[in-house]
Amino acid sequence: MLVVTNDKFGRSGLERVCALSEISDVVTDREPPAELRAAIDEAGGELHVFAE
């Protein structure tokens, strides 16, 4: 499971923790950009968006 706020979308980190296919669920506060949403779907992950 990955819990991330929308301000992290599109940013790169210095280290890779795991492949996107290894993350079963992505929990965030806003819908990600279309290309990221497609990558999550293709990797078999489930997206959970909890907005205020």
Protein backbone atom coordinates (compact mmCIF):
# COMPACT_ATOMS: atom_id res chain seq x y z
CA MET A 1 0.00 0.00 0.00
CA LEU A 2 1.18 3.47 -0.88
CA VAL A 3 -0.31 6.53 0.83
CA VAL A 4 0.58 9.74 -0.97
CA THR A 5 -0.72 13.32 -1.19
CA ASN A 6 -1.38 14.82 -4.61
CA ASP A 7 1.55 17.23 -4.38
CA LYS A 8 3.87 14.24 -4.93
CA PHE A 9 2.42 13.38 -8.37
CA GLY A 10 4.95 13.92 -11.12
CA ARG A 11 7.92 14.26 -8.76
CA SER A 12 10.98 12.04 -8.87
CA GLY A 13 12.76 10.62 -5.86
CA LEU A 14 16.39 9.68 -5.47
CA GLU A 15 15.63 6.06 -4.60
CA ARG A 16 13.29 3.48 -6.00
CA VAL A 17 11.60 1.52 -3.25
CA CYS A 18 9.73 -1.02 -5.40
CA ALA A 19 8.04 -1.49 -8.74
CA LEU A 20 4.53 -0.11 -9.18
CA SER A 21 3.33 -3.67 -9.78
CA GLU A 22 4.33 -4.53 -6.20
CA ILE A 23 1.89 -1.96 -4.75
CA SER A 24 -1.60 -3.37 -4.29
CA ASP A 25 -3.34 -0.11 -3.31
CA VAL A 26 -2.64 3.60 -3.81
CA VAL A 27 -4.41 5.93 -1.36
CA THR A 28 -4.46 9.65 -2.11
CA ASP A 29 -6.42 12.86 -1.64
CA ARG A 30 -6.98 13.73 -5.32
CA GLU A 31 -7.30 11.93 -8.65
CA PRO A 32 -3.83 11.56 -10.22
CA PRO A 33 -3.02 12.65 -13.79
CA ALA A 34 -4.40 10.35 -16.49
CA GLU A 35 -1.00 8.80 -17.32
CA LEU A 36 -0.38 7.89 -13.67
CA ARG A 37 -3.90 6.51 -13.29
CA ALA A 38 -3.33 4.35 -16.38
CA ALA A 39 0.00 3.09 -14.99
CA ILE A 40 -1.66 2.12 -11.68
CA ASP A 41 -4.42 0.30 -13.56
CA GLU A 42 -1.95 -1.48 -15.86
CA ALA A 43 0.14 -2.57 -12.85
CA GLY A 44 -2.97 -4.14 -11.29
CA GLY A 45 -3.20 -1.68 -8.41
CA GLU A 46 -6.37 -0.27 -6.91
CA LEU A 47 -6.72 3.50 -6.52
CA HIS A 48 -8.54 4.98 -3.51
CA VAL A 49 -9.20 8.74 -3.62
CA PHE A 50 -10.36 10.41 -0.42
CA ALA A 51 -11.13 14.08 -0.99
CA GLU A 52 -12.44 16.63 1.46
